[in-house]
Every structure is written in C-alpha cells, then in structure tokens.
C-alpha cells in the first residue's frame, strides 16, 4: 500500500483509542478489505497471521547457526556451522568490519 495521510480528526481518535502508526500499518497489510473505504482485522485474519509468524519463528530457530558461502552473487554452499566455527567466524567478522 502507498503512503496514506490522516486527517486531524483521525489523528486525535487514533491517540484517544490507543492506536499507534505501526498498528494502522499492520491493519492495512493483513486485514480484510470489507468495503471500498474500509478494512477490518477479523479474528480469522489475526489467527492466519499468527500461524504464519509462528511458522517463520520455527524456521528461524531451525536455521540458527547456518552459514552460506558466496562468490559474487552466487551461492556456492550452505551448511549448519558447528558452535566452534560460529564463534571463530564471529571473531573474524568483528575484525572484518
């Protein structure tokens, strides 16, 4: 979605009702478009997005410690690095910066 603007009235109501700018953005991203001028974040929308994010979290947990080696823009290998290699790589990375 493109940049949206808010009226002064909408800004006041947003503050009064405890909405943040990030809340409005999330609603636009995942809510159901219920009318040409309205979005509603249903319980089904929320459940779907929570399930998606839980799936992403499980994937990130599974991939923790993974390493990808590249030459230019080409991946040449990927693997799960051992803890010793992770520590060594991170020490080298600090020197690299």
N, C-alpha and C. Protein backbone atom coordinates (compact mmCIF):
# COMPACT_ATOMS: atom_id res chain seq x y z
N UNK A 1 0.84 -1.18 0.00
CA UNK A 1 0.00 0.00 0.00
C UNK A 1 0.88 1.24 0.00
N UNK A 2 0.42 2.27 -0.68
CA UNK A 2 1.18 3.51 -0.75
C UNK A 2 1.02 4.30 0.54
N UNK A 3 1.75 5.38 0.63
CA UNK A 3 1.70 6.25 1.81
C UNK A 3 0.28 6.77 1.99
N UNK A 4 -0.20 6.74 3.22
CA UNK A 4 -1.55 7.25 3.49
C UNK A 4 -1.44 8.52 4.32
N UNK A 5 -2.45 9.33 4.22
CA UNK A 5 -2.49 10.54 5.05
C UNK A 5 -3.67 10.41 6.01
N UNK A 6 -3.59 11.14 7.10
CA UNK A 6 -4.65 11.10 8.11
C UNK A 6 -5.13 12.52 8.39
N UNK A 7 -6.42 12.64 8.55
CA UNK A 7 -6.98 13.93 8.93
C UNK A 7 -6.62 14.22 10.39
N UNK A 8 -6.80 15.45 10.77
CA UNK A 8 -6.57 15.83 12.17
C UNK A 8 -7.51 15.05 13.08
N UNK A 9 -8.74 14.87 12.62
CA UNK A 9 -9.73 14.10 13.38
C UNK A 9 -9.23 12.67 13.60
N UNK A 10 -8.75 12.03 12.52
CA UNK A 10 -8.26 10.65 12.62
C UNK A 10 -7.06 10.57 13.55
N UNK A 11 -6.18 11.54 13.49
CA UNK A 11 -5.01 11.57 14.39
C UNK A 11 -5.46 11.63 15.85
N UNK A 12 -6.43 12.51 16.14
CA UNK A 12 -6.93 12.63 17.52
C UNK A 12 -7.56 11.33 17.98
N UNK A 13 -8.42 10.73 17.15
CA UNK A 13 -9.10 9.49 17.52
C UNK A 13 -8.10 8.35 17.70
N UNK A 14 -7.10 8.31 16.84
CA UNK A 14 -6.06 7.28 16.94
C UNK A 14 -5.39 7.37 18.31
N UNK A 15 -5.02 8.57 18.71
CA UNK A 15 -4.37 8.76 20.01
C UNK A 15 -5.32 8.43 21.16
N UNK A 16 -6.55 8.89 21.07
CA UNK A 16 -7.53 8.65 22.14
C UNK A 16 -7.79 7.16 22.32
N UNK A 17 -7.75 6.41 21.23
CA UNK A 17 -8.11 4.99 21.27
C UNK A 17 -6.90 4.06 21.37
N UNK A 18 -5.73 4.65 21.54
CA UNK A 18 -4.54 3.84 21.81
C UNK A 18 -3.92 3.16 20.60
N UNK A 19 -4.21 3.66 19.40
CA UNK A 19 -3.58 3.11 18.20
C UNK A 19 -2.26 3.80 17.94
N UNK A 20 -1.31 3.05 17.43
CA UNK A 20 0.00 3.59 17.01
C UNK A 20 0.05 3.58 15.50
N UNK A 21 1.00 4.31 14.94
CA UNK A 21 1.17 4.30 13.48
C UNK A 21 1.45 2.89 12.98
N UNK A 22 2.25 2.14 13.72
CA UNK A 22 2.57 0.76 13.34
C UNK A 22 1.32 -0.12 13.35
N UNK A 23 0.39 0.15 14.26
CA UNK A 23 -0.86 -0.60 14.32
C UNK A 23 -1.67 -0.39 13.04
N UNK A 24 -1.75 0.85 12.61
CA UNK A 24 -2.50 1.18 11.39
C UNK A 24 -1.87 0.47 10.19
N UNK A 25 -0.53 0.48 10.12
CA UNK A 25 0.16 -0.18 9.01
C UNK A 25 -0.12 -1.67 8.99
N UNK A 26 -0.10 -2.32 10.15
CA UNK A 26 -0.38 -3.76 10.22
C UNK A 26 -1.81 -4.04 9.77
N UNK A 27 -2.74 -3.23 10.20
CA UNK A 27 -4.13 -3.45 9.81
C UNK A 27 -4.26 -3.37 8.29
N UNK A 28 -3.64 -2.37 7.67
CA UNK A 28 -3.70 -2.27 6.21
C UNK A 28 -3.06 -3.49 5.53
N UNK A 29 -2.00 -4.02 6.11
CA UNK A 29 -1.29 -5.15 5.50
C UNK A 29 -2.07 -6.45 5.56
N UNK A 30 -2.74 -6.73 6.68
CA UNK A 30 -3.28 -8.08 6.86
C UNK A 30 -4.80 -8.15 6.99
N UNK A 31 -5.46 -7.01 7.11
CA UNK A 31 -6.91 -7.02 7.33
C UNK A 31 -7.67 -7.33 6.05
N UNK A 32 -8.93 -7.67 6.23
CA UNK A 32 -9.83 -7.92 5.11
C UNK A 32 -10.40 -6.59 4.63
N UNK A 33 -10.36 -6.40 3.32
CA UNK A 33 -10.92 -5.20 2.69
C UNK A 33 -12.43 -5.44 2.61
N UNK A 34 -13.20 -4.83 3.50
CA UNK A 34 -14.63 -5.13 3.63
C UNK A 34 -15.52 -4.18 2.84
N UNK A 35 -14.98 -3.07 2.40
CA UNK A 35 -15.73 -2.09 1.60
C UNK A 35 -14.71 -1.24 0.87
N UNK A 36 -15.15 -0.50 -0.15
CA UNK A 36 -14.17 0.33 -0.87
C UNK A 36 -13.40 1.29 0.04
N UNK A 37 -14.00 1.63 1.18
CA UNK A 37 -13.36 2.60 2.08
C UNK A 37 -13.10 2.05 3.47
N UNK A 38 -13.06 0.71 3.62
CA UNK A 38 -12.92 0.16 4.97
C UNK A 38 -12.16 -1.16 5.00
N UNK A 39 -11.38 -1.33 6.07
CA UNK A 39 -10.65 -2.56 6.35
C UNK A 39 -11.04 -3.02 7.74
N UNK A 40 -11.12 -4.35 7.92
CA UNK A 40 -11.41 -4.88 9.25
C UNK A 40 -10.47 -6.05 9.52
N UNK A 41 -9.79 -5.97 10.65
CA UNK A 41 -8.91 -7.07 11.06
C UNK A 41 -9.78 -8.06 11.83
N UNK A 42 -10.16 -9.13 11.17
CA UNK A 42 -11.02 -10.14 11.80
C UNK A 42 -10.19 -11.09 12.64
N UNK A 43 -10.86 -11.88 13.46
CA UNK A 43 -10.17 -12.90 14.25
C UNK A 43 -9.51 -13.92 13.32
N UNK A 44 -10.15 -14.22 12.19
CA UNK A 44 -9.57 -15.16 11.23
C UNK A 44 -8.30 -14.58 10.62
N UNK A 45 -8.31 -13.27 10.30
CA UNK A 45 -7.10 -12.61 9.79
C UNK A 45 -5.97 -12.71 10.82
N UNK A 46 -6.30 -12.41 12.07
CA UNK A 46 -5.30 -12.45 13.13
C UNK A 46 -4.76 -13.87 13.31
N UNK A 47 -5.63 -14.87 13.33
CA UNK A 47 -5.20 -16.26 13.50
C UNK A 47 -4.29 -16.70 12.35
N UNK A 48 -4.64 -16.32 11.13
CA UNK A 48 -3.83 -16.67 9.96
C UNK A 48 -2.43 -16.06 10.08
N UNK A 49 -2.36 -14.79 10.43
CA UNK A 49 -1.07 -14.12 10.53
C UNK A 49 -0.23 -14.64 11.69
N UNK A 50 -0.88 -14.96 12.80
CA UNK A 50 -0.16 -15.53 13.94
C UNK A 50 0.43 -16.88 13.54
N UNK A 51 -0.33 -17.70 12.84
CA UNK A 51 0.17 -19.01 12.37
C UNK A 51 1.34 -18.83 11.42
N UNK A 52 1.25 -17.86 10.52
CA UNK A 52 2.35 -17.59 9.59
C UNK A 52 3.61 -17.17 10.34
N UNK A 53 3.46 -16.30 11.30
CA UNK A 53 4.63 -15.83 12.04
C UNK A 53 5.22 -16.93 12.92
N UNK A 54 4.37 -17.78 13.49
CA UNK A 54 4.88 -18.92 14.26
C UNK A 54 5.68 -19.84 13.35
N UNK A 55 5.20 -20.05 12.14
CA UNK A 55 5.92 -20.88 11.17
C UNK A 55 7.28 -20.25 10.85
N UNK A 56 7.30 -18.92 10.68
CA UNK A 56 8.55 -18.22 10.42
C UNK A 56 9.50 -18.34 11.60
N UNK A 57 8.99 -18.24 12.82
CA UNK A 57 9.82 -18.36 14.02
C UNK A 57 10.44 -19.76 14.08
N UNK A 58 9.64 -20.80 13.84
CA UNK A 58 10.17 -22.17 13.84
C UNK A 58 11.28 -22.32 12.79
N UNK A 59 11.07 -21.72 11.63
CA UNK A 59 12.08 -21.80 10.57
C UNK A 59 13.36 -21.09 10.99
N UNK A 60 13.24 -19.92 11.59
CA UNK A 60 14.42 -19.18 12.04
C UNK A 60 15.15 -19.97 13.12
N UNK A 61 14.41 -20.58 14.05
CA UNK A 61 15.04 -21.40 15.09
C UNK A 61 15.80 -22.57 14.47
N UNK A 62 15.19 -23.20 13.44
CA UNK A 62 15.82 -24.33 12.77
C UNK A 62 17.09 -23.90 12.03
N UNK A 63 17.10 -22.69 11.52
CA UNK A 63 18.23 -22.22 10.71
C UNK A 63 19.32 -21.52 11.52
N UNK A 64 19.10 -21.32 12.80
CA UNK A 64 20.11 -20.66 13.63
C UNK A 64 21.44 -21.40 13.52
N UNK A 65 22.50 -20.68 13.27
CA UNK A 65 23.83 -21.27 13.12
C UNK A 65 24.16 -21.67 11.69
N UNK A 66 23.26 -21.41 10.77
CA UNK A 66 23.51 -21.76 9.37
C UNK A 66 24.48 -20.76 8.75
N UNK A 67 25.20 -21.22 7.76
CA UNK A 67 26.17 -20.36 7.08
C UNK A 67 26.04 -20.57 5.58
N UNK A 68 26.09 -19.48 4.83
CA UNK A 68 26.05 -19.52 3.37
C UNK A 68 27.34 -18.89 2.87
N UNK A 69 27.99 -19.57 1.93
CA UNK A 69 29.21 -19.06 1.32
C UNK A 69 28.89 -18.65 -0.11
N UNK A 70 29.35 -17.46 -0.48
CA UNK A 70 29.05 -16.92 -1.80
C UNK A 70 30.32 -16.50 -2.52
N UNK A 71 30.24 -16.55 -3.83
CA UNK A 71 31.24 -15.93 -4.69
C UNK A 71 30.46 -14.96 -5.57
N UNK A 72 30.68 -13.68 -5.35
CA UNK A 72 29.87 -12.68 -6.05
C UNK A 72 28.42 -12.81 -5.63
N UNK A 73 27.55 -12.98 -6.61
CA UNK A 73 26.12 -13.12 -6.34
C UNK A 73 25.66 -14.57 -6.36
N UNK A 74 26.60 -15.52 -6.33
CA UNK A 74 26.27 -16.93 -6.46
C UNK A 74 26.54 -17.68 -5.16
N UNK A 75 25.54 -18.40 -4.68
CA UNK A 75 25.72 -19.25 -3.50
C UNK A 75 26.46 -20.50 -3.96
N UNK A 76 27.60 -20.78 -3.30
CA UNK A 76 28.34 -21.98 -3.68
C UNK A 76 28.15 -23.12 -2.69
N UNK A 77 27.79 -22.80 -1.44
CA UNK A 77 27.46 -23.86 -0.48
C UNK A 77 26.71 -23.26 0.70
N UNK A 78 26.06 -24.13 1.45
CA UNK A 78 25.39 -23.73 2.68
C UNK A 78 25.41 -24.92 3.63
N UNK A 79 25.52 -24.62 4.92
CA UNK A 79 25.59 -25.70 5.91
C UNK A 79 25.30 -25.16 7.30
N UNK A 80 25.11 -26.10 8.23
CA UNK A 80 24.93 -25.76 9.64
C UNK A 80 26.32 -25.77 10.28
N UNK A 81 26.79 -24.61 10.70
CA UNK A 81 28.12 -24.49 11.28
C UNK A 81 28.12 -25.00 12.73
N UNK A 82 29.21 -25.66 13.11
CA UNK A 82 29.38 -26.10 14.49
C UNK A 82 29.62 -24.88 15.37
N UNK A 83 29.35 -25.01 16.66
CA UNK A 83 29.48 -23.88 17.57
C UNK A 83 30.89 -23.28 17.54
N UNK A 84 31.89 -24.12 17.46
CA UNK A 84 33.28 -23.63 17.43
C UNK A 84 33.48 -22.75 16.19
N UNK A 85 32.97 -23.21 15.06
CA UNK A 85 33.12 -22.42 13.83
C UNK A 85 32.33 -21.12 13.92
N UNK A 86 31.16 -21.17 14.54
CA UNK A 86 30.35 -19.96 14.69
C UNK A 86 31.12 -18.91 15.48
N UNK A 87 31.72 -19.33 16.58
CA UNK A 87 32.49 -18.40 17.41
C UNK A 87 33.67 -17.83 16.64
N UNK A 88 34.39 -18.70 15.95
CA UNK A 88 35.55 -18.27 15.18
C UNK A 88 35.13 -17.28 14.08
N UNK A 89 34.05 -17.61 13.40
CA UNK A 89 33.55 -16.74 12.33
C UNK A 89 33.15 -15.38 12.87
N UNK A 90 32.50 -15.37 14.02
CA UNK A 90 32.07 -14.09 14.59
C UNK A 90 33.25 -13.24 15.03
N UNK A 91 34.32 -13.89 15.53
CA UNK A 91 35.53 -13.14 15.88
C UNK A 91 36.14 -12.52 14.63
N UNK A 92 36.21 -13.30 13.57
CA UNK A 92 36.76 -12.79 12.31
C UNK A 92 35.88 -11.68 11.74
N UNK A 93 34.57 -11.83 11.89
CA UNK A 93 33.63 -10.84 11.37
C UNK A 93 33.85 -9.50 12.06
N UNK A 94 34.13 -9.51 13.35
CA UNK A 94 34.38 -8.25 14.06
C UNK A 94 35.64 -7.58 13.53
N UNK A 95 36.64 -8.36 13.20
CA UNK A 95 37.87 -7.82 12.63
C UNK A 95 37.63 -7.33 11.20
N UNK A 96 36.70 -7.98 10.49
CA UNK A 96 36.37 -7.65 9.12
C UNK A 96 35.74 -6.27 9.01
N UNK A 97 34.97 -5.88 10.02
CA UNK A 97 34.26 -4.59 9.97
C UNK A 97 35.21 -3.50 10.15
